[in-house]
Amino acid sequence: MIKLLRVDDKLLHGQVAFSWIRNLKIHTLIIADDRVSGDEFLKMTLGLSKPPGVNLSIIELSTAIEVLKDKSCDKMNVMVIVSNVYNAKRITDALGTIKAINLGSIREHKDSRYIKGNIYLDDEEIKLCRQLEEQGIAVEIAFRYEDEKKRFDD
């Protein structure tokens, strides 16, 4: 079962490894990112941040969607990390079972504006977040598991 879909452009780092994975008792971590999946050096460095005992897959987004559709995922605690809101929307649209998305860290980028904490979104990303919420998918902001979750629409 997908326990968390997180948007974090840093992908795997301390907050993810020690806060979210530990508290959600994650067995399998999937990083769904087309760019990183083809870069062996980045895959190796991300693998160094993985906690012991957690399976890590760094795969293309389309492959991740197919893997997540497989019923065998229902037996595992899975966390999925994507680097942007566009990819999170693609996953939610394809699966139809995601109830919430966590916005973690999204650094400043072209035409983006400050939202909260470490989150910068451009107009299209804001529009996508609003669409997700209109579909009944909670878009939440929390950097660590322990943090109070703030709703995007707040």
C-alpha atoms as a PDB file:
ATOM      1  CA  MET A   1       0.000   0.000   0.000  1.00  0.00           C
ATOM      2  CA  ILE A   2       1.261   3.451  -0.792  1.00  0.00           C
ATOM      3  CA  LYS A   3       1.729   5.099   2.593  1.00  0.00           C
ATOM      4  CA  LEU A   4       3.059   8.380   1.223  1.00  0.00           C
ATOM      5  CA  LEU A   5       3.492  10.176  -2.086  1.00  0.00           C
ATOM      6  CA  ARG A   6       5.989  12.977  -1.503  1.00  0.00           C
ATOM      7  CA  VAL A   7       7.099  15.789  -3.792  1.00  0.00           C
ATOM      8  CA  ASP A   8      10.676  16.676  -2.893  1.00  0.00           C
ATOM      9  CA  ASP A   9      13.186  17.885  -5.463  1.00  0.00           C
ATOM     10  CA  LYS A  10      16.047  16.715  -3.235  1.00  0.00           C
ATOM     11  CA  LEU A  11      14.474  13.236  -3.392  1.00  0.00           C
ATOM     12  CA  LEU A  12      16.158  11.207  -0.626  1.00  0.00           C
ATOM     13  CA  HIS A  13      17.813  12.964   2.312  1.00  0.00           C
ATOM     14  CA  GLY A  14      17.865  12.949   6.113  1.00  0.00           C
ATOM     15  CA  GLN A  15      14.299  14.139   6.735  1.00  0.00           C
ATOM     16  CA  VAL A  16      12.970  11.463   4.437  1.00  0.00           C
ATOM     17  CA  ALA A  17      15.279   8.695   5.606  1.00  0.00           C
ATOM     18  CA  PHE A  18      14.934   9.204   9.321  1.00  0.00           C
ATOM     19  CA  SER A  19      11.590  10.892   9.839  1.00  0.00           C
ATOM     20  CA  TRP A  20       9.142   9.632   7.230  1.00  0.00           C
ATOM     21  CA  ILE A  21      10.531   6.162   6.519  1.00  0.00           C
ATOM     22  CA  ARG A  22      10.963   5.245  10.175  1.00  0.00           C
ATOM     23  CA  ASN A  23       7.596   6.542  11.371  1.00  0.00           C
ATOM     24  CA  LEU A  24       5.590   5.120   8.477  1.00  0.00           C
ATOM     25  CA  LYS A  25       7.453   1.781   8.731  1.00  0.00           C
ATOM     26  CA  ILE A  26       8.306   1.896   5.027  1.00  0.00           C
ATOM     27  CA  HIS A  27       9.545  -1.345   3.449  1.00  0.00           C
ATOM     28  CA  THR A  28       9.981  -0.083  -0.095  1.00  0.00           C
ATOM     29  CA  LEU A  29      10.999   3.348  -1.324  1.00  0.00           C
ATOM     30  CA  ILE A  30      10.401   4.209  -4.968  1.00  0.00           C
ATOM     31  CA  ILE A  31      12.006   7.272  -6.476  1.00  0.00           C
ATOM     32  CA  ALA A  32      10.123   7.906  -9.710  1.00  0.00           C
ATOM     33  CA  ASP A  33      12.242  10.247 -11.781  1.00  0.00           C
ATOM     34  CA  ASP A  34      13.158   9.966 -15.462  1.00  0.00           C
ATOM     35  CA  ARG A  35      16.355  11.999 -15.137  1.00  0.00           C
ATOM     36  CA  VAL A  36      17.782  10.261 -12.084  1.00  0.00           C
ATOM     37  CA  SER A  37      16.838   6.757 -13.244  1.00  0.00           C
ATOM     38  CA  GLY A  38      19.347   7.080 -16.095  1.00  0.00           C
ATOM     39  CA  ASP A  39      22.190   8.523 -14.020  1.00  0.00           C
ATOM     40  CA  GLU A  40      24.231   5.805 -12.311  1.00  0.00           C
ATOM     41  CA  PHE A  41      26.219   8.256 -10.191  1.00  0.00           C
ATOM     42  CA  LEU A  42      23.087   9.940  -8.802  1.00  0.00           C
ATOM     43  CA  LYS A  43      21.501   6.557  -8.157  1.00  0.00           C
ATOM     44  CA  MET A  44      24.577   5.484  -6.219  1.00  0.00           C
ATOM     45  CA  THR A  45      24.647   8.660  -4.109  1.00  0.00           C
ATOM     46  CA  LEU A  46      20.924   8.439  -3.347  1.00  0.00           C
ATOM     47  CA  GLY A  47      21.433   4.815  -2.350  1.00  0.00           C
ATOM     48  CA  LEU A  48      23.874   5.937   0.331  1.00  0.00           C
ATOM     49  CA  SER A  49      21.029   7.803   2.074  1.00  0.00           C
ATOM     50  CA  LYS A  50      18.777   4.763   2.215  1.00  0.00           C
ATOM     51  CA  PRO A  51      18.217   3.345   5.686  1.00  0.00           C
ATOM     52  CA  PRO A  52      19.189  -0.295   6.208  1.00  0.00           C
ATOM     53  CA  GLY A  53      16.405  -2.793   5.606  1.00  0.00           C
ATOM     54  CA  VAL A  54      14.526  -0.592   3.140  1.00  0.00           C
ATOM     55  CA  ASN A  55      14.288  -1.621  -0.495  1.00  0.00           C
ATOM     56  CA  LEU A  56      15.086   1.232  -2.893  1.00  0.00           C
ATOM     57  CA  SER A  57      14.042   1.442  -6.528  1.00  0.00           C
ATOM     58  CA  ILE A  58      15.005   4.413  -8.672  1.00  0.00           C
ATOM     59  CA  ILE A  59      12.986   4.078 -11.854  1.00  0.00           C
ATOM     60  CA  GLU A  60      11.359   6.055 -14.646  1.00  0.00           C
ATOM     61  CA  LEU A  61       7.949   7.528 -13.869  1.00  0.00           C
ATOM     62  CA  SER A  62       6.065   5.338 -16.353  1.00  0.00           C
ATOM     63  CA  THR A  63       7.710   2.212 -14.936  1.00  0.00           C
ATOM     64  CA  ALA A  64       6.875   3.330 -11.397  1.00  0.00           C
ATOM     65  CA  ILE A  65       3.218   3.718 -12.328  1.00  0.00           C
ATOM     66  CA  GLU A  66       3.126   0.162 -13.694  1.00  0.00           C
ATOM     67  CA  VAL A  67       4.877  -1.191 -10.585  1.00  0.00           C
ATOM     68  CA  LEU A  68       2.461   0.666  -8.299  1.00  0.00           C
ATOM     69  CA  LYS A  69      -0.539  -0.756 -10.164  1.00  0.00           C
ATOM     70  CA  ASP A  70       0.661  -4.276  -9.349  1.00  0.00           C
ATOM     71  CA  LYS A  71      -1.345  -5.868  -6.527  1.00  0.00           C
ATOM     72  CA  SER A  72       1.861  -7.081  -4.845  1.00  0.00           C
ATOM     73  CA  CYS A  73       2.414  -3.467  -3.689  1.00  0.00           C
ATOM     74  CA  ASP A  74      -0.696  -3.799  -1.527  1.00  0.00           C
ATOM     75  CA  LYS A  75       1.262  -6.098   0.797  1.00  0.00           C
ATOM     76  CA  MET A  76       4.118  -3.619   1.379  1.00  0.00           C
ATOM     77  CA  ASN A  77       4.425  -0.202   2.983  1.00  0.00           C
ATOM     78  CA  VAL A  78       5.548   1.883   0.026  1.00  0.00           C
ATOM     79  CA  MET A  79       6.719   5.469  -0.131  1.00  0.00           C
ATOM     80  CA  VAL A  80       6.981   7.182  -3.503  1.00  0.00           C
ATOM     81  CA  ILE A  81       9.086  10.286  -4.051  1.00  0.00           C
ATOM     82  CA  VAL A  82       8.866  12.473  -7.144  1.00  0.00           C
ATOM     83  CA  SER A  83      10.726  15.683  -7.853  1.00  0.00           C
ATOM     84  CA  ASN A  84       7.782  17.826  -8.958  1.00  0.00           C
ATOM     85  CA  VAL A  85       4.024  18.338  -8.770  1.00  0.00           C
ATOM     86  CA  TYR A  86       3.567  17.333 -12.425  1.00  0.00           C
ATOM     87  CA  ASN A  87       4.820  13.815 -11.720  1.00  0.00           C
ATOM     88  CA  ALA A  88       2.711  13.547  -8.561  1.00  0.00           C
ATOM     89  CA  LYS A  89      -0.364  14.448 -10.625  1.00  0.00           C
ATOM     90  CA  ARG A  90       0.513  11.823 -13.236  1.00  0.00           C
ATOM     91  CA  ILE A  91       0.740   9.163 -10.531  1.00  0.00           C
ATOM     92  CA  THR A  92      -2.527  10.165  -8.858  1.00  0.00           C
ATOM     93  CA  ASP A  93      -4.335  10.238 -12.208  1.00  0.00           C
ATOM     94  CA  ALA A  94      -2.977   6.825 -13.219  1.00  0.00           C
ATOM     95  CA  LEU A  95      -3.680   5.067  -9.929  1.00  0.00           C
ATOM     96  CA  GLY A  96      -6.858   6.711  -8.699  1.00  0.00           C
ATOM     97  CA  THR A  97      -6.206   5.524  -5.131  1.00  0.00           C
ATOM     98  CA  ILE A  98      -3.987   8.257  -3.696  1.00  0.00           C
ATOM     99  CA  LYS A  99      -5.727  10.213  -0.928  1.00  0.00           C
ATOM    100  CA  ALA A 100      -2.958  12.694  -0.071  1.00  0.00           C
ATOM    101  CA  ILE A 101       0.258  14.199  -1.395  1.00  0.00           C
ATOM    102  CA  ASN A 102       2.987  15.583   0.828  1.00  0.00           C
ATOM    103  CA  LEU A 103       4.893  18.636  -0.382  1.00  0.00           C
ATOM    104  CA  GLY A 104       8.363  18.508   1.133  1.00  0.00           C
ATOM    105  CA  SER A 105      11.051  20.637  -0.436  1.00  0.00           C
ATOM    106  CA  ILE A 106      10.704  22.296  -3.832  1.00  0.00           C
ATOM    107  CA  ARG A 107      13.455  24.788  -4.461  1.00  0.00           C
ATOM    108  CA  GLU A 108      13.008  28.100  -6.203  1.00  0.00           C
ATOM    109  CA  HIS A 109      12.870  27.719  -9.981  1.00  0.00           C
ATOM    110  CA  LYS A 110      11.848  29.684 -13.061  1.00  0.00           C
ATOM    111  CA  ASP A 111       8.755  31.828 -12.442  1.00  0.00           C
ATOM    112  CA  SER A 112       8.142  30.238  -9.037  1.00  0.00           C
ATOM    113  CA  ARG A 113       7.037  32.071  -5.952  1.00  0.00           C
ATOM    114  CA  TYR A 114       7.364  31.377  -2.268  1.00  0.00           C
ATOM    115  CA  ILE A 115       4.594  29.256  -0.751  1.00  0.00           C
ATOM    116  CA  LYS A 116       5.806  28.140   2.691  1.00  0.00           C
ATOM    117  CA  GLY A 117       8.990  26.792   4.249  1.00  0.00           C
ATOM    118  CA  ASN A 118      11.123  25.329   1.452  1.00  0.00           C
ATOM    119  CA  ILE A 119       8.359  25.297  -1.139  1.00  0.00           C
ATOM    120  CA  TYR A 120       8.328  27.421  -4.278  1.00  0.00           C
ATOM    121  CA  LEU A 121       5.759  26.785  -7.004  1.00  0.00           C
ATOM    122  CA  ASP A 122       4.998  28.377 -10.336  1.00  0.00           C
ATOM    123  CA  ASP A 123       1.463  29.218 -11.486  1.00  0.00           C
ATOM    124  CA  GLU A 124       0.976  25.902 -13.287  1.00  0.00           C
ATOM    125  CA  GLU A 125       2.071  23.910 -10.220  1.00  0.00           C
ATOM    126  CA  ILE A 126      -0.315  25.912  -8.036  1.00  0.00           C
ATOM    127  CA  LYS A 127      -3.085  25.176 -10.510  1.00  0.00           C
ATOM    128  CA  LEU A 128      -2.252  21.446 -10.384  1.00  0.00           C
ATOM    129  CA  CYS A 129      -2.343  21.476  -6.563  1.00  0.00           C
ATOM    130  CA  ARG A 130      -5.773  23.091  -6.670  1.00  0.00           C
ATOM    131  CA  GLN A 131      -6.963  20.510  -9.213  1.00  0.00           C
ATOM    132  CA  LEU A 132      -5.745  17.718  -6.956  1.00  0.00           C
ATOM    133  CA  GLU A 133      -7.643  19.162  -4.019  1.00  0.00           C
ATOM    134  CA  GLU A 134     -10.787  19.535  -6.156  1.00  0.00           C
ATOM    135  CA  GLN A 135     -10.431  15.807  -6.927  1.00  0.00           C
ATOM    136  CA  GLY A 136     -10.501  15.084  -3.201  1.00  0.00           C
ATOM    137  CA  ILE A 137      -6.745  14.552  -2.837  1.00  0.00           C
ATOM    138  CA  ALA A 138      -5.319  16.381   0.161  1.00  0.00           C
ATOM    139  CA  VAL A 139      -2.218  18.375  -0.697  1.00  0.00           C
ATOM    140  CA  GLU A 140      -0.343  18.721   2.581  1.00  0.00           C
ATOM    141  CA  ILE A 141       2.779  20.593   3.569  1.00  0.00           C
ATOM    142  CA  ALA A 142       4.967  18.921   6.184  1.00  0.00           C
ATOM    143  CA  PHE A 143       8.730  18.697   6.036  1.00  0.00           C
ATOM    144  CA  ARG A 144       9.074  16.025   8.726  1.00  0.00           C
ATOM    145  CA  TYR A 145       6.647  13.383   9.903  1.00  0.00           C
ATOM    146  CA  GLU A 146       6.472  15.091  13.299  1.00  0.00           C
ATOM    147  CA  ASP A 147       5.443  18.460  11.836  1.00  0.00           C
ATOM    148  CA  GLU A 148       1.846  19.605  11.849  1.00  0.00           C
ATOM    149  CA  LYS A 149       0.420  19.035   8.389  1.00  0.00           C
ATOM    150  CA  LYS A 150      -0.798  22.236   6.755  1.00  0.00           C
ATOM    151  CA  ARG A 151      -3.269  22.009   3.911  1.00  0.00           C
ATOM    152  CA  PHE A 152      -2.221  23.667   0.656  1.00  0.00           C
ATOM    153  CA  ASP A 153      -5.569  25.433   0.348  1.00  0.00           C
ATOM    154  CA  ASP A 154      -4.960  27.093   3.726  1.00  0.00           C
END
